C-alpha atoms as a PDB file:
ATOM      1  CA  MET A   1      -3.046   5.635 -23.929  1.00  0.00           C
ATOM      2  CA  LYS A   2      -1.090   4.089 -26.741  1.00  0.00           C
ATOM      3  CA  LYS A   3       0.657   0.808 -25.974  1.00  0.00           C
ATOM      4  CA  ILE A   4       3.830   0.268 -27.940  1.00  0.00           C
ATOM      5  CA  PHE A   5       4.203  -3.481 -27.711  1.00  0.00           C
ATOM      6  CA  LEU A   6       3.550  -6.455 -25.488  1.00  0.00           C
ATOM      7  CA  VAL A   7       6.270  -8.637 -24.162  1.00  0.00           C
ATOM      8  CA  PHE A   8       6.308 -11.601 -21.823  1.00  0.00           C
ATOM      9  CA  PHE A   9       9.142 -13.206 -19.975  1.00  0.00           C
ATOM     10  CA  VAL A  10       9.738 -14.982 -16.718  1.00  0.00           C
ATOM     11  CA  CYS A  11      12.445 -13.997 -14.289  1.00  0.00           C
ATOM     12  CA  CYS A  12      13.484 -15.749 -11.138  1.00  0.00           C
ATOM     13  CA  LEU A  13      13.641 -14.098  -7.751  1.00  0.00           C
ATOM     14  CA  SER A  14      14.397 -15.750  -4.447  1.00  0.00           C
ATOM     15  CA  PHE A  15      11.199 -17.362  -3.123  1.00  0.00           C
ATOM     16  CA  SER A  16       9.149 -15.863  -5.983  1.00  0.00           C
ATOM     17  CA  SER A  17       8.906 -15.403  -9.738  1.00  0.00           C
ATOM     18  CA  CYS A  18       7.785 -12.450 -11.769  1.00  0.00           C
ATOM     19  CA  ASN A  19       6.380 -11.824 -15.227  1.00  0.00           C
ATOM     20  CA  THR A  20       6.981  -8.647 -17.171  1.00  0.00           C
ATOM     21  CA  GLU A  21       3.812  -7.946 -19.049  1.00  0.00           C
ATOM     22  CA  GLU A  22       3.515  -4.755 -20.999  1.00  0.00           C
ATOM     23  CA  ILE A  23       5.458  -1.692 -22.055  1.00  0.00           C
ATOM     24  CA  ILE A  24       3.783   1.693 -22.127  1.00  0.00           C
ATOM     25  CA  GLU A  25       5.074   5.011 -23.388  1.00  0.00           C
ATOM     26  CA  PRO A  26       8.136   5.775 -21.231  1.00  0.00           C
ATOM     27  CA  ASP A  27       7.293   9.411 -20.499  1.00  0.00           C
ATOM     28  CA  ILE A  28       4.358   8.341 -18.330  1.00  0.00           C
ATOM     29  CA  LEU A  29       6.366   8.524 -15.117  1.00  0.00           C
ATOM     30  CA  GLN A  30       7.315  12.097 -15.898  1.00  0.00           C
ATOM     31  CA  ASN A  31       3.641  13.057 -15.806  1.00  0.00           C
ATOM     32  CA  ILE A  32       2.048  10.291 -13.794  1.00  0.00           C
ATOM     33  CA  LYS A  33      -1.169  12.254 -13.322  1.00  0.00           C
ATOM     34  CA  THR A  34      -2.693  15.675 -13.744  1.00  0.00           C
ATOM     35  CA  LYS A  35      -4.452  16.992 -10.630  1.00  0.00           C
ATOM     36  CA  GLU A  36      -7.417  19.283 -10.266  1.00  0.00           C
ATOM     37  CA  GLN A  37      -5.919  22.305  -8.524  1.00  0.00           C
ATOM     38  CA  SER A  38      -9.126  23.417  -6.844  1.00  0.00           C
ATOM     39  CA  LEU A  39      -9.223  22.394  -3.198  1.00  0.00           C
ATOM     40  CA  LEU A  40     -13.017  22.489  -3.406  1.00  0.00           C
ATOM     41  CA  SER A  41     -13.067  19.515  -5.743  1.00  0.00           C
ATOM     42  CA  LYS A  42     -13.462  16.135  -4.064  1.00  0.00           C
ATOM     43  CA  SER A  43     -13.446  14.036  -7.228  1.00  0.00           C
ATOM     44  CA  VAL A  44     -10.468  11.720  -7.590  1.00  0.00           C
ATOM     45  CA  GLN A  45      -8.067  12.244 -10.477  1.00  0.00           C
ATOM     46  CA  ALA A  46      -6.937   8.777 -11.523  1.00  0.00           C
ATOM     47  CA  PRO A  47      -3.296   8.087 -12.447  1.00  0.00           C
ATOM     48  CA  ASN A  48      -2.557   8.382 -16.138  1.00  0.00           C
ATOM     49  CA  PHE A  49      -1.862   4.732 -16.889  1.00  0.00           C
ATOM     50  CA  SER A  50      -3.716   1.561 -17.858  1.00  0.00           C
ATOM     51  CA  LEU A  51      -4.100  -1.469 -15.623  1.00  0.00           C
ATOM     52  CA  PRO A  52      -2.098  -4.535 -16.720  1.00  0.00           C
ATOM     53  CA  ALA A  53      -3.569  -5.763 -20.009  1.00  0.00           C
ATOM     54  CA  SER A  54      -4.055  -9.368 -18.909  1.00  0.00           C
ATOM     55  CA  ILE A  55      -6.353  -8.408 -16.021  1.00  0.00           C
ATOM     56  CA  ALA A  56      -7.795  -5.042 -17.078  1.00  0.00           C
ATOM     57  CA  SER A  57     -11.109  -6.602 -18.094  1.00  0.00           C
ATOM     58  CA  LEU A  58     -11.602  -7.928 -14.547  1.00  0.00           C
ATOM     59  CA  TYR A  59     -11.632  -4.524 -12.856  1.00  0.00           C
ATOM     60  CA  GLU A  60     -13.420  -1.206 -13.186  1.00  0.00           C
ATOM     61  CA  SER A  61     -11.687   1.330 -15.414  1.00  0.00           C
ATOM     62  CA  SER A  62     -12.106   4.095 -12.818  1.00  0.00           C
ATOM     63  CA  PRO A  63     -11.084   3.965  -9.144  1.00  0.00           C
ATOM     64  CA  ASN A  64     -13.613   3.644  -6.322  1.00  0.00           C
ATOM     65  CA  GLU A  65     -13.890   7.229  -5.074  1.00  0.00           C
ATOM     66  CA  ASN A  66     -15.033   6.158  -1.600  1.00  0.00           C
ATOM     67  CA  VAL A  67     -11.643   4.608  -0.845  1.00  0.00           C
ATOM     68  CA  SER A  68      -9.267   6.152  -3.412  1.00  0.00           C
ATOM     69  CA  ASP A  69      -7.408   9.454  -3.111  1.00  0.00           C
ATOM     70  CA  ASP A  70      -5.110  11.568  -5.266  1.00  0.00           C
ATOM     71  CA  PHE A  71      -4.146  13.649  -2.210  1.00  0.00           C
ATOM     72  CA  SER A  72      -4.718  17.018  -3.788  1.00  0.00           C
ATOM     73  CA  THR A  73      -6.349  17.825  -0.448  1.00  0.00           C
ATOM     74  CA  LEU A  74      -7.086  15.951   2.781  1.00  0.00           C
ATOM     75  CA  ASP A  75     -10.590  14.529   2.577  1.00  0.00           C
ATOM     76  CA  TRP A  76     -11.749  13.872   6.145  1.00  0.00           C
ATOM     77  CA  ASN A  77     -14.809  12.071   4.816  1.00  0.00           C
ATOM     78  CA  LYS A  78     -12.392   9.311   3.851  1.00  0.00           C
ATOM     79  CA  TRP A  79      -9.630   9.512   6.449  1.00  0.00           C
ATOM     80  CA  THR A  80      -8.911   9.870  10.126  1.00  0.00           C
ATOM     81  CA  HIS A  81      -5.576  10.030  11.973  1.00  0.00           C
ATOM     82  CA  ARG A  82      -3.953   6.751  12.898  1.00  0.00           C
ATOM     83  CA  VAL A  83      -3.482   6.716  16.665  1.00  0.00           C
ATOM     84  CA  LEU A  84      -3.738   3.081  17.795  1.00  0.00           C
ATOM     85  CA  SER A  85      -1.570  -0.066  17.816  1.00  0.00           C
ATOM     86  CA  GLY A  86       1.172  -0.993  20.246  1.00  0.00           C
ATOM     87  CA  PRO A  87       3.353   1.143  22.530  1.00  0.00           C
ATOM     88  CA  GLN A  88       3.698   3.899  19.946  1.00  0.00           C
ATOM     89  CA  HIS A  89       3.326   7.658  20.126  1.00  0.00           C
ATOM     90  CA  TRP A  90       1.330   9.236  17.286  1.00  0.00           C
ATOM     91  CA  GLY A  91       1.289  12.815  16.031  1.00  0.00           C
ATOM     92  CA  THR A  92      -1.900  14.315  14.622  1.00  0.00           C
ATOM     93  CA  GLY A  93      -1.135  17.960  13.850  1.00  0.00           C
ATOM     94  CA  SER A  94      -0.250  19.513  10.519  1.00  0.00           C
ATOM     95  CA  ASP A  95       3.419  19.134  11.390  1.00  0.00           C
ATOM     96  CA  TYR A  96       2.879  15.379  11.042  1.00  0.00           C
ATOM     97  CA  VAL A  97       0.203  14.930   8.362  1.00  0.00           C
ATOM     98  CA  LYS A  98      -0.231  17.380   5.485  1.00  0.00           C
ATOM     99  CA  ILE A  99      -0.689  17.823   1.754  1.00  0.00           C
ATOM    100  CA  VAL A 100       2.278  19.342  -0.084  1.00  0.00           C
ATOM    101  CA  ASP A 101       1.645  21.679  -3.040  1.00  0.00           C
ATOM    102  CA  SER A 102      -1.879  20.272  -3.522  1.00  0.00           C
ATOM    103  CA  SER A 103      -0.058  17.256  -4.896  1.00  0.00           C
ATOM    104  CA  PHE A 104       0.905  14.532  -2.414  1.00  0.00           C
ATOM    105  CA  LEU A 105       0.485  13.330   1.158  1.00  0.00           C
ATOM    106  CA  SER A 106       3.382  13.760   3.571  1.00  0.00           C
ATOM    107  CA  ILE A 107       3.410  11.947   6.911  1.00  0.00           C
ATOM    108  CA  LYS A 108       6.258  12.443   9.351  1.00  0.00           C
ATOM    109  CA  GLY A 109       8.272  10.304  11.692  1.00  0.00           C
ATOM    110  CA  LYS A 110       9.675  12.771  14.220  1.00  0.00           C
ATOM    111  CA  TYR A 111      12.905  12.067  16.030  1.00  0.00           C
ATOM    112  CA  ASP A 112      12.131  13.063  19.611  1.00  0.00           C
ATOM    113  CA  THR A 113      11.955  11.407  23.042  1.00  0.00           C
ATOM    114  CA  PHE A 114       9.248   9.032  21.805  1.00  0.00           C
ATOM    115  CA  SER A 115      10.177   8.730  18.112  1.00  0.00           C
ATOM    116  CA  THR A 116       6.663   9.924  17.284  1.00  0.00           C
ATOM    117  CA  GLY A 117       4.977   8.400  14.250  1.00  0.00           C
ATOM    118  CA  SER A 118       1.957   9.506  12.228  1.00  0.00           C
ATOM    119  CA  GLY A 119      -0.463   8.286   9.615  1.00  0.00           C
ATOM    120  CA  LEU A 120      -3.916   8.142   8.080  1.00  0.00           C
ATOM    121  CA  SER A 121      -6.577   5.451   8.508  1.00  0.00           C
ATOM    122  CA  ALA A 122      -9.487   4.940   6.131  1.00  0.00           C
ATOM    123  CA  LEU A 123     -13.095   5.355   7.242  1.00  0.00           C
ATOM    124  CA  ASN A 124     -14.516   3.259   4.386  1.00  0.00           C
ATOM    125  CA  THR A 125     -13.887  -0.382   3.511  1.00  0.00           C
ATOM    126  CA  SER A 126     -12.946  -2.072   0.292  1.00  0.00           C
ATOM    127  CA  LYS A 127     -12.710  -5.695  -0.757  1.00  0.00           C
ATOM    128  CA  TYR A 128     -11.818  -7.299  -4.091  1.00  0.00           C
ATOM    129  CA  GLY A 129      -9.917  -5.013  -6.428  1.00  0.00           C
ATOM    130  CA  PHE A 130      -6.633  -3.785  -7.850  1.00  0.00           C
ATOM    131  CA  TYR A 131      -4.899  -1.681  -5.157  1.00  0.00           C
ATOM    132  CA  VAL A 132      -2.140   0.631  -6.374  1.00  0.00           C
ATOM    133  CA  THR A 133      -0.039   3.360  -4.763  1.00  0.00           C
ATOM    134  CA  ARG A 134       2.839   5.663  -5.696  1.00  0.00           C
ATOM    135  CA  TRP A 135       5.189   6.465  -2.827  1.00  0.00           C
ATOM    136  CA  ARG A 136       8.692   7.334  -1.662  1.00  0.00           C
ATOM    137  CA  HIS A 137      10.668   7.472   1.586  1.00  0.00           C
ATOM    138  CA  VAL A 138      12.401  10.767   2.415  1.00  0.00           C
ATOM    139  CA  GLY A 139      14.926  11.457   5.184  1.00  0.00           C
ATOM    140  CA  SER A 140      16.631   9.043   7.518  1.00  0.00           C
ATOM    141  CA  LEU A 141      16.464   5.344   6.657  1.00  0.00           C
ATOM    142  CA  THR A 142      17.489   4.396  10.175  1.00  0.00           C
ATOM    143  CA  GLY A 143      14.888   3.005  12.543  1.00  0.00           C
ATOM    144  CA  TRP A 144      11.635   3.950  10.778  1.00  0.00           C
ATOM    145  CA  HIS A 145       8.921   1.503   9.747  1.00  0.00           C
ATOM    146  CA  ASP A 146       6.743   2.817   6.932  1.00  0.00           C
ATOM    147  CA  ALA A 147       3.847   0.905   5.413  1.00  0.00           C
ATOM    148  CA  ILE A 148       0.889   1.264   3.066  1.00  0.00           C
ATOM    149  CA  TRP A 149      -1.417  -1.559   4.023  1.00  0.00           C
ATOM    150  CA  THR A 150      -4.929  -2.691   4.874  1.00  0.00           C
ATOM    151  CA  ALA A 151      -6.497  -4.345   7.911  1.00  0.00           C
ATOM    152  CA  GLY A 152      -9.846  -5.430   9.296  1.00  0.00           C
ATOM    153  CA  GLU A 153      -9.803  -2.410  11.627  1.00  0.00           C
ATOM    154  CA  ASN A 154      -8.490   1.055  10.910  1.00  0.00           C
ATOM    155  CA  PHE A 155      -6.551   1.817  14.151  1.00  0.00           C
ATOM    156  CA  GLY A 156      -7.933   5.314  13.752  1.00  0.00           C
ATOM    157  CA  GLN A 157      -8.801   8.291  15.913  1.00  0.00           C
ATOM    158  CA  THR A 158     -12.321   7.723  14.604  1.00  0.00           C
ATOM    159  CA  TYR A 159     -12.319   3.983  15.092  1.00  0.00           C
ATOM    160  CA  ALA A 160     -13.899   1.553  12.624  1.00  0.00           C
ATOM    161  CA  SER A 161     -13.807  -2.221  12.138  1.00  0.00           C
ATOM    162  CA  TYR A 162     -15.485  -4.752   9.868  1.00  0.00           C
ATOM    163  CA  PRO A 163     -17.739  -6.061  11.230  1.00  0.00           C
ATOM    164  CA  ASN A 164     -16.404  -6.630  14.740  1.00  0.00           C
ATOM    165  CA  VAL A 165     -12.841  -7.495  13.919  1.00  0.00           C
ATOM    166  CA  HIS A 166     -11.904  -9.140  17.211  1.00  0.00           C
ATOM    167  CA  GLY A 167     -12.682 -12.836  17.304  1.00  0.00           C
ATOM    168  CA  VAL A 168     -13.292 -13.179  13.564  1.00  0.00           C
ATOM    169  CA  TYR A 169     -11.239 -14.019  10.483  1.00  0.00           C
ATOM    170  CA  ARG A 170      -9.637 -11.035   8.781  1.00  0.00           C
ATOM    171  CA  ILE A 171      -7.136 -10.177   6.065  1.00  0.00           C
ATOM    172  CA  GLU A 172      -4.157  -7.825   5.881  1.00  0.00           C
ATOM    173  CA  LEU A 173      -2.677  -6.660   2.585  1.00  0.00           C
ATOM    174  CA  ASP A 174       0.751  -5.007   2.663  1.00  0.00           C
ATOM    175  CA  LEU A 175       1.256  -3.081  -0.565  1.00  0.00           C
ATOM    176  CA  ILE A 176       4.597  -1.929   0.829  1.00  0.00           C
ATOM    177  CA  GLU A 177       6.089  -2.479   4.265  1.00  0.00           C
ATOM    178  CA  ARG A 178       9.523  -1.819   5.672  1.00  0.00           C
ATOM    179  CA  ASP A 179      10.665  -5.377   6.302  1.00  0.00           C
ATOM    180  CA  ARG A 180      14.209  -4.817   7.563  1.00  0.00           C
ATOM    181  CA  MET A 181      15.981  -1.869   9.116  1.00  0.00           C
ATOM    182  CA  SER A 182      19.558  -2.630   8.072  1.00  0.00           C
ATOM    183  CA  PRO A 183      20.013  -2.816   5.212  1.00  0.00           C
ATOM    184  CA  PRO A 184      16.715  -1.063   4.464  1.00  0.00           C
ATOM    185  CA  LYS A 185      14.288  -3.385   2.680  1.00  0.00           C
ATOM    186  CA  TRP A 186      10.612  -3.267   1.721  1.00  0.00           C
ATOM    187  CA  ASN A 187       8.333  -6.083   0.626  1.00  0.00           C
ATOM    188  CA  ALA A 188       4.672  -6.984   0.026  1.00  0.00           C
ATOM    189  CA  LYS A 189       2.715  -9.630   1.948  1.00  0.00           C
ATOM    190  CA  VAL A 190      -0.724 -11.011   2.631  1.00  0.00           C
ATOM    191  CA  HIS A 191      -1.665 -12.009   6.178  1.00  0.00           C
ATOM    192  CA  GLY A 192      -4.588 -13.961   7.551  1.00  0.00           C
ATOM    193  CA  TRP A 193      -5.591 -13.440  11.175  1.00  0.00           C
ATOM    194  CA  ALA A 194      -7.985 -15.686  13.073  1.00  0.00           C
ATOM    195  CA  PRO A 195      -9.213 -16.423  16.613  1.00  0.00           C
ATOM    196  CA  GLY A 196      -6.920 -18.401  18.865  1.00  0.00           C
ATOM    197  CA  GLY A 197      -3.745 -16.715  17.703  1.00  0.00           C
ATOM    198  CA  ILE A 198      -3.856 -18.206  14.194  1.00  0.00           C
ATOM    199  CA  HIS A 199      -1.734 -16.193  11.770  1.00  0.00           C
ATOM    200  CA  GLU A 200      -0.877 -17.059   8.171  1.00  0.00           C
ATOM    201  CA  ALA A 201       1.654 -14.845   6.363  1.00  0.00           C
ATOM    202  CA  ARG A 202       2.715 -15.185   2.731  1.00  0.00           C
ATOM    203  CA  VAL A 203       5.254 -13.108   0.798  1.00  0.00           C
ATOM    204  CA  LEU A 204       3.785 -11.512  -2.328  1.00  0.00           C
ATOM    205  CA  ARG A 205       6.925  -9.630  -3.393  1.00  0.00           C
ATOM    206  CA  PRO A 206      10.343 -10.510  -1.912  1.00  0.00           C
ATOM    207  CA  SER A 207      12.282  -7.948   0.082  1.00  0.00           C
ATOM    208  CA  GLU A 208      14.068  -5.403  -2.076  1.00  0.00           C
ATOM    209  CA  GLU A 209      16.715  -2.963  -0.990  1.00  0.00           C
ATOM    210  CA  GLY A 210      18.465   0.080  -2.340  1.00  0.00           C
ATOM    211  CA  ASN A 211      18.380   3.847  -2.435  1.00  0.00           C
ATOM    212  CA  GLU A 212      15.683   3.806  -5.129  1.00  0.00           C
ATOM    213  CA  TRP A 213      13.125   4.087  -2.344  1.00  0.00           C
ATOM    214  CA  THR A 214      13.958   7.775  -2.121  1.00  0.00           C
ATOM    215  CA  ASN A 215      12.522   8.068  -5.652  1.00  0.00           C
ATOM    216  CA  TRP A 216       8.872   7.671  -6.542  1.00  0.00           C
ATOM    217  CA  THR A 217       7.874   4.045  -7.090  1.00  0.00           C
ATOM    218  CA  VAL A 218       4.564   2.372  -7.988  1.00  0.00           C
ATOM    219  CA  ASP A 219       3.461  -0.817  -6.221  1.00  0.00           C
ATOM    220  CA  ALA A 220       0.189  -2.715  -6.369  1.00  0.00           C
ATOM    221  CA  VAL A 221      -1.632  -5.699  -4.898  1.00  0.00           C
ATOM    222  CA  GLU A 222      -4.368  -7.527  -6.787  1.00  0.00           C
ATOM    223  CA  TYR A 223      -7.032  -8.889  -4.410  1.00  0.00           C
ATOM    224  CA  HIS A 224      -9.159 -11.376  -6.354  1.00  0.00           C
ATOM    225  CA  PRO A 225     -11.681 -13.922  -4.964  1.00  0.00           C
ATOM    226  CA  ASP A 226      -9.328 -16.717  -6.103  1.00  0.00           C
ATOM    227  CA  TYR A 227      -5.920 -15.281  -5.257  1.00  0.00           C
ATOM    228  CA  VAL A 228      -3.729 -12.360  -4.163  1.00  0.00           C
ATOM    229  CA  ARG A 229      -0.599 -11.204  -5.972  1.00  0.00           C
ATOM    230  CA  ALA A 230       1.761  -8.248  -6.138  1.00  0.00           C
ATOM    231  CA  TRP A 231       2.511  -6.032  -9.132  1.00  0.00           C
ATOM    232  CA  LYS A 232       5.201  -3.441  -9.712  1.00  0.00           C
ATOM    233  CA  TYR A 233       5.277  -0.650 -12.301  1.00  0.00           C
ATOM    234  CA  THR A 234       8.709   0.508 -13.448  1.00  0.00           C
ATOM    235  CA  ASP A 235       9.596   2.576 -16.524  1.00  0.00           C
ATOM    236  CA  GLY A 236       6.270   1.817 -18.172  1.00  0.00           C
ATOM    237  CA  VAL A 237       6.390  -1.921 -17.442  1.00  0.00           C
ATOM    238  CA  TRP A 238       3.942  -3.848 -15.236  1.00  0.00           C
ATOM    239  CA  THR A 239       5.627  -6.821 -13.539  1.00  0.00           C
ATOM    240  CA  SER A 240       3.612  -9.493 -11.725  1.00  0.00           C
ATOM    241  CA  PHE A 241       4.736 -11.887  -9.016  1.00  0.00           C
ATOM    242  CA  ASP A 242       3.513 -15.322  -7.931  1.00  0.00           C
ATOM    243  CA  LYS A 243      -0.137 -15.738  -7.003  1.00  0.00           C
ATOM    244  CA  ILE A 244      -1.073 -16.780  -3.483  1.00  0.00           C
ATOM    245  CA  TYR A 245      -4.313 -18.729  -3.853  1.00  0.00           C
ATOM    246  CA  PHE A 246      -7.280 -18.847  -1.503  1.00  0.00           C
ATOM    247  CA  THR A 247      -7.918 -22.513  -0.678  1.00  0.00           C
ATOM    248  CA  ASN A 248      -9.348 -24.653   2.119  1.00  0.00           C
ATOM    249  CA  THR A 249      -5.860 -25.862   3.054  1.00  0.00           C
ATOM    250  CA  ASN A 250      -2.701 -24.253   4.407  1.00  0.00           C
ATOM    251  CA  SER A 251       0.404 -24.383   2.211  1.00  0.00           C
ATOM    252  CA  THR A 252       3.350 -22.204   1.240  1.00  0.00           C
ATOM    253  CA  ASN A 253       1.614 -20.873  -1.897  1.00  0.00           C
ATOM    254  CA  SER A 254      -1.909 -20.515  -0.504  1.00  0.00           C
ATOM    255  CA  ILE A 255      -3.880 -18.861   2.260  1.00  0.00           C
ATOM    256  CA  HIS A 256      -7.171 -19.997   3.733  1.00  0.00           C
ATOM    257  CA  GLN A 257     -10.325 -18.821   1.990  1.00  0.00           C
ATOM    258  CA  TRP A 258     -11.822 -17.810   5.346  1.00  0.00           C
ATOM    259  CA  PHE A 259      -9.671 -14.669   5.208  1.00  0.00           C
ATOM    260  CA  ARG A 260     -11.457 -13.138   2.203  1.00  0.00           C
ATOM    261  CA  LYS A 261     -12.832 -10.095   4.038  1.00  0.00           C
ATOM    262  CA  HIS A 262     -13.314  -6.349   3.742  1.00  0.00           C
ATOM    263  CA  ASN A 263     -10.469  -4.110   4.922  1.00  0.00           C
ATOM    264  CA  TYR A 264      -9.430  -0.518   5.666  1.00  0.00           C
ATOM    265  CA  ALA A 265      -6.442   1.289   4.165  1.00  0.00           C
ATOM    266  CA  ILE A 266      -3.729   2.507   6.558  1.00  0.00           C
ATOM    267  CA  ILE A 267      -0.794   4.738   5.598  1.00  0.00           C
ATOM    268  CA  SER A 268       1.742   5.208   8.365  1.00  0.00           C
ATOM    269  CA  ILE A 269       5.300   5.707   9.502  1.00  0.00           C
ATOM    270  CA  LYS A 270       6.344   4.722  13.011  1.00  0.00           C
ATOM    271  CA  LYS A 271       9.273   3.676  15.133  1.00  0.00           C
ATOM    272  CA  GLY A 272      10.614   0.335  13.935  1.00  0.00           C
ATOM    273  CA  VAL A 273      11.419  -2.578  16.201  1.00  0.00           C
ATOM    274  CA  LYS A 274      13.048  -5.041  13.827  1.00  0.00           C
ATOM    275  CA  ASN A 275      16.834  -5.504  13.979  1.00  0.00           C
ATOM    276  CA  LEU A 276      16.876  -3.427  17.195  1.00  0.00           C
ATOM    277  CA  GLN A 277      17.579  -0.227  15.303  1.00  0.00           C
ATOM    278  CA  TRP A 278      16.103   3.075  16.480  1.00  0.00           C
ATOM    279  CA  PRO A 279      15.530   6.416  14.724  1.00  0.00           C
ATOM    280  CA  VAL A 280      18.355   8.938  14.693  1.00  0.00           C
ATOM    281  CA  SER A 281      16.640  11.778  12.787  1.00  0.00           C
ATOM    282  CA  ASP A 282      13.345  12.688  11.100  1.00  0.00           C
ATOM    283  CA  ALA A 283      11.859  10.824   8.137  1.00  0.00           C
ATOM    284  CA  TRP A 284       8.782  11.146   5.919  1.00  0.00           C
ATOM    285  CA  LEU A 285       6.586   8.827   3.897  1.00  0.00           C
ATOM    286  CA  HIS A 286       5.239  10.579   0.800  1.00  0.00           C
ATOM    287  CA  VAL A 287       2.229   9.149  -1.034  1.00  0.00           C
ATOM    288  CA  ASP A 288       1.220  10.532  -4.402  1.00  0.00           C
ATOM    289  CA  TYR A 289      -1.964   8.474  -4.611  1.00  0.00           C
ATOM    290  CA  TYR A 290      -3.763   5.438  -3.256  1.00  0.00           C
ATOM    291  CA  MET A 291      -6.271   3.880  -5.676  1.00  0.00           C
ATOM    292  CA  VAL A 292      -8.598   0.877  -5.608  1.00  0.00           C
ATOM    293  CA  TYR A 293     -10.133  -0.385  -8.850  1.00  0.00           C
ATOM    294  CA  ASP A 294     -13.019  -2.618  -7.808  1.00  0.00           C
ATOM    295  CA  LEU A 295     -13.606  -6.078  -9.207  1.00  0.00           C
ATOM    296  CA  LYS A 296     -16.448  -5.956 -11.750  1.00  0.00           C
END
């Protein structure tokens, strides 16, 4: 891919700063990837863009096929239905989880007596890498909590945890999570969970709001042995946010190094509980791809 030019600047955001790094040919978002149309093919078609130039040498040039997916078909060697976590009701049929036009994943939040959610949970773990996803929210913005995240257990119909998640230190990466119901906002975070109710949470990308979430957007989290940080890709530009460092202390810009663990991807939409707002009609979370580029 031809890069046109490189530009750096720093912009201020509440509680965080961001750096715009590189500009790539603007038509990339019009043809973000080309998929293999054959449903028999299990190989992953990577998105048609380069990783941010300043970190590209740190990560593999191709995604890890054990944990990445272009969602041209549902690969049950990688995924299981999400069915666990809290007093939620989860749907598992094709009305809830399906591939649309051999192109993207659609998971449904159904407005019914239970406000039934749905989702996919990974069967394989990943650790250090560049995690990137392309997604959009479709339908009602009222009362639904959608997230693309990772955890030390998969909350799946076929359950998996690493190694035995209860009673050990574990990490959670939120590439995107619905942070507020009204007005609708999404953000990115890193969480550390530990025995005895210890919980450290750090914002990677501040809450953002607006109707742009009904359009496709690309968000990423870089999970490095020294730090975690969020990235965003808009109109050919990679933008980075503040690093949260792994240290042996607890501060506002760090998280304890004990939390550097393997994790499972989870893609889900469910009834929200924040701001006491409940669903009023159906909604969908669409995911074009979920990719992990491993640390070299």
